[in-house]
Amino acid sequence: MSSTNWDDVVDNVVTVLERNWGQKHGKRGIGLKKISVPTAGDPKLAEFFGMLLGDGYLSEYFVEICGNAKFDQNYLTQYVPKLVFDLFRLSGALRIQDNTMRLRFYSKRMSKWIAETFGLSYGKKIYSLSRIPNAFFTDAVIPSACIRGCIDTDGGIYRFHDRVGIAFFNENKLLLEDVARGLEKLGFSPYFTKGKEVWLLKKRDVLLYLSQIGTSNFKNVVRVLEWQRSGRFPLLSEVSEFIRKDINVNLPYVMMGPWSSGYEVPGEILALTNVTLTS
């Protein structure tokens, strides 16, 4: 994925829709667009499917990925549109309502292909109890990409008391179990809290996740970079303080050294990632 920064908006978001655009225009003119059919086993497709499971919506006429209008701006105006265009050759449309940013891809063919390929039902995922397909668990790359999509949309990296943790939140217990199973297969030790959350809290697990799975959401990237630099993990509310125009990273971002002195990186992760420590 090409480098990105906070202020640019990719060409693949073709328009920003006015409020109540869908109600005003109905279903006219959608569903007839030609699309490219993604290749089975493409990690980009697995990541997009994870986004859809995390905070997406599938209707008969469009596919939607949602996020916070402030903190997920870069993710929904740059990374996700580029990913979907690479997969389906389809551009999206943005709509901001209150604090929610909605990125929609209007195509009946795309919706039908996703529903048939992954066995999804139209409508809210909690009612259809959508799950990660078993075929995604055949190697390490595909479940890693899918889990990254899930956590980047319906989870994230947080301060958890005196430590840093990675979490996935969802009302669908079966999906939570699938994410936990995928993490276990990849060598992590996840655990449930409150029945609606899956967390990684061990230092080894957090660093291994960042070095092997990574994140495509810029709000996570800037905080990880500051964590590496200073040893302190910023709060989400502090993200704007660390967003600079000169930050230029490839996405998905995976953690590489150096780390600030005083934060110990486990030896097995050093061996896997060639992370070096500052003296």
Protein backbone atom coordinates (compact mmCIF):
# COMPACT_ATOMS: atom_id res chain seq x y z
CA MET A 1 0.00 0.00 0.00
CA SER A 2 1.39 3.40 -0.91
CA SER A 3 2.50 5.93 1.70
CA THR A 4 -0.09 8.21 3.22
CA ASN A 5 -0.50 11.28 5.39
CA TRP A 6 -3.43 12.81 7.27
CA ASP A 7 -4.25 15.75 4.99
CA ASP A 8 -4.52 14.07 1.60
CA VAL A 9 -7.78 12.58 0.32
CA VAL A 10 -7.55 9.83 -2.29
CA ASP A 11 -9.20 10.17 -5.66
CA ASN A 12 -11.14 6.95 -5.10
CA VAL A 13 -13.62 8.78 -2.85
CA VAL A 14 -15.56 10.38 -5.67
CA THR A 15 -17.95 12.57 -3.66
CA VAL A 16 -19.16 13.60 -0.24
CA LEU A 17 -22.89 13.07 0.02
CA GLU A 18 -25.31 15.55 1.50
CA ARG A 19 -27.35 14.64 4.57
CA ASN A 20 -30.22 12.21 3.79
CA TRP A 21 -28.90 11.65 0.26
CA GLY A 22 -30.13 8.06 0.24
CA GLN A 23 -33.67 8.97 1.24
CA LYS A 24 -33.83 11.72 -1.39
CA HIS A 25 -32.46 9.70 -4.30
CA GLY A 26 -33.62 6.23 -3.41
CA LYS A 27 -32.23 3.34 -5.45
CA ARG A 28 -31.89 5.11 -8.77
CA GLY A 29 -28.78 4.45 -10.78
CA ILE A 30 -27.16 1.92 -8.49
CA GLY A 31 -26.38 -1.71 -9.04
CA LEU A 32 -25.38 -1.42 -12.72
CA LYS A 33 -21.69 -0.68 -12.28
CA LYS A 34 -19.13 -3.13 -13.55
CA ILE A 35 -16.79 -4.45 -10.89
CA SER A 36 -13.61 -6.46 -10.78
CA VAL A 37 -13.86 -9.80 -8.98
CA PRO A 38 -11.11 -10.19 -6.34
CA THR A 39 -8.83 -13.19 -6.30
CA ALA A 40 -9.59 -15.79 -3.66
CA GLY A 41 -6.91 -15.83 -1.02
CA ASP A 42 -5.99 -12.17 -1.48
CA PRO A 43 -5.00 -10.71 1.94
CA LYS A 44 -6.54 -7.39 0.89
CA LEU A 45 -9.89 -9.13 0.48
CA ALA A 46 -9.52 -10.74 3.90
CA GLU A 47 -8.77 -7.35 5.46
CA PHE A 48 -11.78 -5.77 3.75
CA PHE A 49 -13.99 -8.60 4.96
CA GLY A 50 -12.69 -7.98 8.48
CA MET A 51 -13.68 -4.31 8.15
CA LEU A 52 -17.15 -5.37 7.07
CA LEU A 53 -17.47 -7.71 10.04
CA GLY A 54 -16.13 -5.09 12.43
CA ASP A 55 -18.07 -1.94 11.60
CA GLY A 56 -19.66 -2.51 8.21
CA TYR A 57 -23.11 -2.91 6.74
CA LEU A 58 -24.23 -4.97 3.75
CA SER A 59 -27.45 -4.16 1.93
CA GLU A 60 -28.73 -5.40 -1.39
CA TYR A 61 -27.63 -2.15 -3.00
CA PHE A 62 -24.50 -0.97 -1.20
CA VAL A 63 -21.63 -1.91 1.09
CA GLU A 64 -20.77 0.47 3.94
CA ILE A 65 -17.83 0.87 6.31
CA CYS A 66 -18.28 3.26 9.26
CA GLY A 67 -16.00 5.05 11.65
CA ASN A 68 -15.56 8.06 13.89
CA ALA A 69 -15.71 11.28 11.85
CA LYS A 70 -12.76 12.74 13.76
CA PHE A 71 -10.42 9.88 14.52
CA ASP A 72 -11.04 7.62 11.50
CA GLN A 73 -10.87 10.37 8.89
CA ASN A 74 -7.63 9.23 7.32
CA TYR A 75 -8.65 5.58 7.40
CA LEU A 76 -11.98 6.16 5.63
CA THR A 77 -10.83 8.80 3.15
CA GLN A 78 -7.56 7.20 2.14
CA TYR A 79 -6.83 3.62 3.10
CA VAL A 80 -10.23 1.94 2.75
CA PRO A 81 -11.15 3.58 -0.60
CA LYS A 82 -7.78 2.62 -2.07
CA LEU A 83 -8.13 -0.95 -0.81
CA VAL A 84 -11.64 -1.35 -2.24
CA PHE A 85 -10.66 0.21 -5.55
CA ASP A 86 -7.74 -2.23 -5.82
CA LEU A 87 -10.11 -5.13 -5.15
CA PHE A 88 -13.29 -4.18 -7.02
CA ARG A 89 -12.32 -1.19 -9.22
CA LEU A 90 -15.13 0.69 -7.52
CA SER A 91 -15.10 4.18 -6.00
CA GLY A 92 -16.95 5.17 -2.86
CA ALA A 93 -18.99 8.06 -1.50
CA LEU A 94 -18.63 9.65 1.93
CA ARG A 95 -21.38 10.84 4.22
CA ILE A 96 -20.90 12.42 7.64
CA GLN A 97 -23.77 12.28 10.08
CA ASP A 98 -23.23 13.61 13.59
CA ASN A 99 -19.95 12.01 14.71
CA THR A 100 -20.11 9.10 12.26
CA MET A 101 -18.37 8.94 8.90
CA ARG A 102 -19.92 6.47 6.45
CA LEU A 103 -18.07 5.27 3.37
CA ARG A 104 -20.49 3.63 0.91
CA PHE A 105 -19.84 1.66 -2.24
CA TYR A 106 -22.99 1.56 -4.33
CA SER A 107 -23.08 -1.62 -6.40
CA LYS A 108 -25.68 -4.36 -6.39
CA ARG A 109 -23.17 -6.67 -8.05
CA MET A 110 -20.59 -6.08 -5.34
CA SER A 111 -23.15 -6.66 -2.58
CA LYS A 112 -24.38 -9.85 -4.19
CA TRP A 113 -20.86 -11.17 -4.74
CA ILE A 114 -19.91 -10.55 -1.10
CA ALA A 115 -23.13 -12.13 0.20
CA GLU A 116 -22.74 -15.22 -1.96
CA THR A 117 -18.98 -15.62 -1.50
CA PHE A 118 -18.95 -15.28 2.27
CA GLY A 119 -22.47 -16.47 3.08
CA LEU A 120 -23.55 -13.15 4.58
CA SER A 121 -27.11 -11.97 4.94
CA TYR A 122 -28.20 -8.42 4.15
CA GLY A 123 -28.86 -6.21 7.12
CA LYS A 124 -27.36 -5.87 10.59
CA LYS A 125 -24.61 -8.39 11.29
CA ILE A 126 -25.72 -8.98 14.88
CA TYR A 127 -28.93 -10.55 13.64
CA SER A 128 -27.24 -12.73 11.01
CA LEU A 129 -24.42 -13.75 13.40
CA SER A 130 -21.76 -13.27 10.70
CA ARG A 131 -18.52 -15.17 11.20
CA ILE A 132 -14.99 -15.46 9.83
CA PRO A 133 -15.03 -18.24 7.18
CA ASN A 134 -13.19 -21.41 8.13
CA ALA A 135 -11.23 -21.12 4.88
CA PHE A 136 -9.51 -18.05 6.33
CA PHE A 137 -7.74 -20.18 8.94
CA THR A 138 -5.62 -22.22 6.53
CA ASP A 139 -2.47 -20.10 6.88
CA ALA A 140 -1.14 -17.14 8.88
CA VAL A 141 -1.47 -14.34 6.31
CA ILE A 142 -5.24 -14.46 5.69
CA PRO A 143 -6.45 -14.57 9.31
CA SER A 144 -3.91 -11.86 10.21
CA ALA A 145 -5.35 -9.55 7.54
CA CYS A 146 -8.95 -10.31 8.53
CA ILE A 147 -8.27 -9.72 12.23
CA ARG A 148 -6.51 -6.46 11.38
CA GLY A 149 -9.64 -5.33 9.52
CA CYS A 150 -11.85 -6.27 12.47
CA ILE A 151 -9.75 -4.50 15.10
CA ASP A 152 -9.06 -1.39 12.99
CA THR A 153 -12.81 -0.81 12.66
CA ASP A 154 -14.38 -2.16 15.86
CA GLY A 155 -11.50 -2.12 18.30
CA GLY A 156 -8.06 -0.64 18.58
CA ILE A 157 -5.03 -0.05 20.77
CA TYR A 158 -5.71 1.40 24.20
CA ARG A 159 -4.23 2.19 27.54
CA PHE A 160 -5.58 -0.42 29.94
CA HIS A 161 -4.80 0.73 33.49
CA ASP A 162 -0.99 0.67 33.65
CA ARG A 163 -0.41 -1.15 30.37
CA VAL A 164 -1.16 -1.03 26.65
CA GLY A 165 -3.72 -3.45 25.27
CA ILE A 166 -5.29 -4.36 21.94
CA ALA A 167 -9.03 -4.97 21.92
CA PHE A 168 -11.89 -6.05 19.68
CA PHE A 169 -15.45 -5.09 20.69
CA ASN A 170 -18.55 -6.66 19.18
CA GLU A 171 -22.07 -7.73 20.11
CA ASN A 172 -21.72 -10.94 18.07
CA LYS A 173 -20.35 -13.57 20.45
CA LEU A 174 -19.62 -16.01 17.62
CA LEU A 175 -17.48 -13.40 15.87
CA LEU A 176 -15.65 -12.67 19.12
CA GLU A 177 -14.91 -16.37 19.41
CA ASP A 178 -13.65 -16.47 15.81
CA VAL A 179 -11.29 -13.55 16.40
CA ALA A 180 -10.02 -15.17 19.60
CA ARG A 181 -9.56 -18.49 17.80
CA GLY A 182 -7.64 -16.78 15.02
CA LEU A 183 -5.39 -15.02 17.50
CA GLU A 184 -4.73 -18.28 19.34
CA LYS A 185 -3.77 -19.99 16.09
CA LEU A 186 -1.31 -17.17 15.45
CA GLY A 187 0.34 -17.70 18.83
CA PHE A 188 -1.43 -15.13 21.00
CA SER A 189 -3.17 -15.52 24.36
CA PRO A 190 -6.46 -13.57 24.09
CA TYR A 191 -9.09 -13.43 26.78
CA PHE A 192 -12.67 -12.24 27.07
CA THR A 193 -13.93 -9.43 29.27
CA LYS A 194 -17.58 -8.53 29.84
CA GLY A 195 -18.61 -11.10 27.22
CA LYS A 196 -18.38 -8.51 24.44
CA GLU A 197 -14.65 -7.87 24.24
CA VAL A 198 -11.50 -9.76 23.30
CA TRP A 199 -8.21 -8.36 24.62
CA LEU A 200 -4.49 -8.87 24.21
CA LEU A 201 -2.80 -7.53 27.33
CA LYS A 202 0.48 -9.41 27.68
CA LYS A 203 3.42 -7.25 26.63
CA ARG A 204 4.66 -10.01 24.35
CA ASP A 205 1.25 -10.29 22.65
CA VAL A 206 0.90 -6.54 22.08
CA LEU A 207 4.35 -6.22 20.54
CA LEU A 208 3.93 -9.39 18.50
CA TYR A 209 0.60 -8.11 17.17
CA LEU A 210 2.13 -4.79 16.15
CA SER A 211 5.11 -6.46 14.51
CA GLN A 212 3.26 -9.28 12.73
CA ILE A 213 -0.34 -8.13 12.11
CA GLY A 214 0.01 -4.37 12.40
CA THR A 215 -2.58 -1.69 11.78
CA SER A 216 -3.90 0.23 8.79
CA ASN A 217 -5.71 2.89 10.83
CA PHE A 218 -3.65 6.07 11.12
CA LYS A 219 -5.03 6.93 14.57
CA ASN A 220 -3.25 3.79 15.81
CA VAL A 221 -0.09 4.41 13.79
CA VAL A 222 0.62 7.87 15.21
CA ARG A 223 0.16 6.67 18.78
CA VAL A 224 2.42 3.65 18.25
CA LEU A 225 5.09 5.92 16.76
CA GLU A 226 4.87 8.22 19.78
CA TRP A 227 5.00 5.19 22.08
CA GLN A 228 8.18 4.03 20.38
CA ARG A 229 9.66 7.51 20.59
CA SER A 230 8.84 8.41 24.18
CA GLY A 231 7.80 5.21 25.94
CA ARG A 232 4.37 6.69 26.71
CA PHE A 233 1.25 5.55 24.84
CA PRO A 234 -1.04 8.55 24.12
CA LEU A 235 -4.77 8.57 24.77
CA LEU A 236 -7.09 8.57 21.76
CA SER A 237 -8.11 12.12 22.64
CA GLU A 238 -4.49 13.18 22.15
CA VAL A 239 -4.17 11.88 18.60
CA SER A 240 -4.35 15.33 17.01
CA GLU A 241 -1.27 16.40 18.98
CA PHE A 242 0.87 13.79 17.24
CA ILE A 243 -0.42 14.10 13.69
CA ARG A 244 2.21 15.88 11.63
CA LYS A 245 2.39 16.46 7.92
CA ASP A 246 5.86 14.89 7.79
CA ILE A 247 4.60 11.51 9.04
CA ASN A 248 4.83 9.26 6.02
CA VAL A 249 4.36 5.52 6.50
CA ASN A 250 3.39 2.51 4.46
CA LEU A 251 0.12 0.84 5.36
CA PRO A 252 -0.53 -1.64 6.82
CA TYR A 253 1.99 -0.40 9.36
CA VAL A 254 4.02 -2.99 11.23
CA MET A 255 6.21 -2.07 14.14
CA MET A 256 9.91 -1.83 13.58
CA GLY A 257 12.57 -0.33 15.85
CA PRO A 258 13.96 1.65 17.43
CA TRP A 259 12.14 1.85 20.76
CA SER A 260 12.84 4.41 23.44
CA SER A 261 15.21 3.25 26.13
CA GLY A 262 13.55 1.59 29.07
CA TYR A 263 10.89 -0.32 27.13
CA GLU A 264 11.99 -3.90 26.89
CA VAL A 265 11.16 -5.79 23.70
CA PRO A 266 11.13 -9.59 24.20
CA GLY A 267 13.98 -11.46 22.56
CA GLU A 268 11.71 -13.65 20.43
CA ILE A 269 10.16 -10.55 18.88
CA LEU A 270 13.57 -9.07 18.21
CA ALA A 271 14.43 -12.27 16.37
CA LEU A 272 11.21 -12.13 14.33
CA THR A 273 11.30 -8.47 13.37
CA ASN A 274 14.91 -7.29 13.62
CA VAL A 275 13.76 -4.54 15.97
CA THR A 276 16.71 -2.64 17.43
CA LEU A 277 16.71 -0.77 20.71
CA THR A 278 18.12 2.67 21.33
CA SER A 279 20.97 2.72 23.80
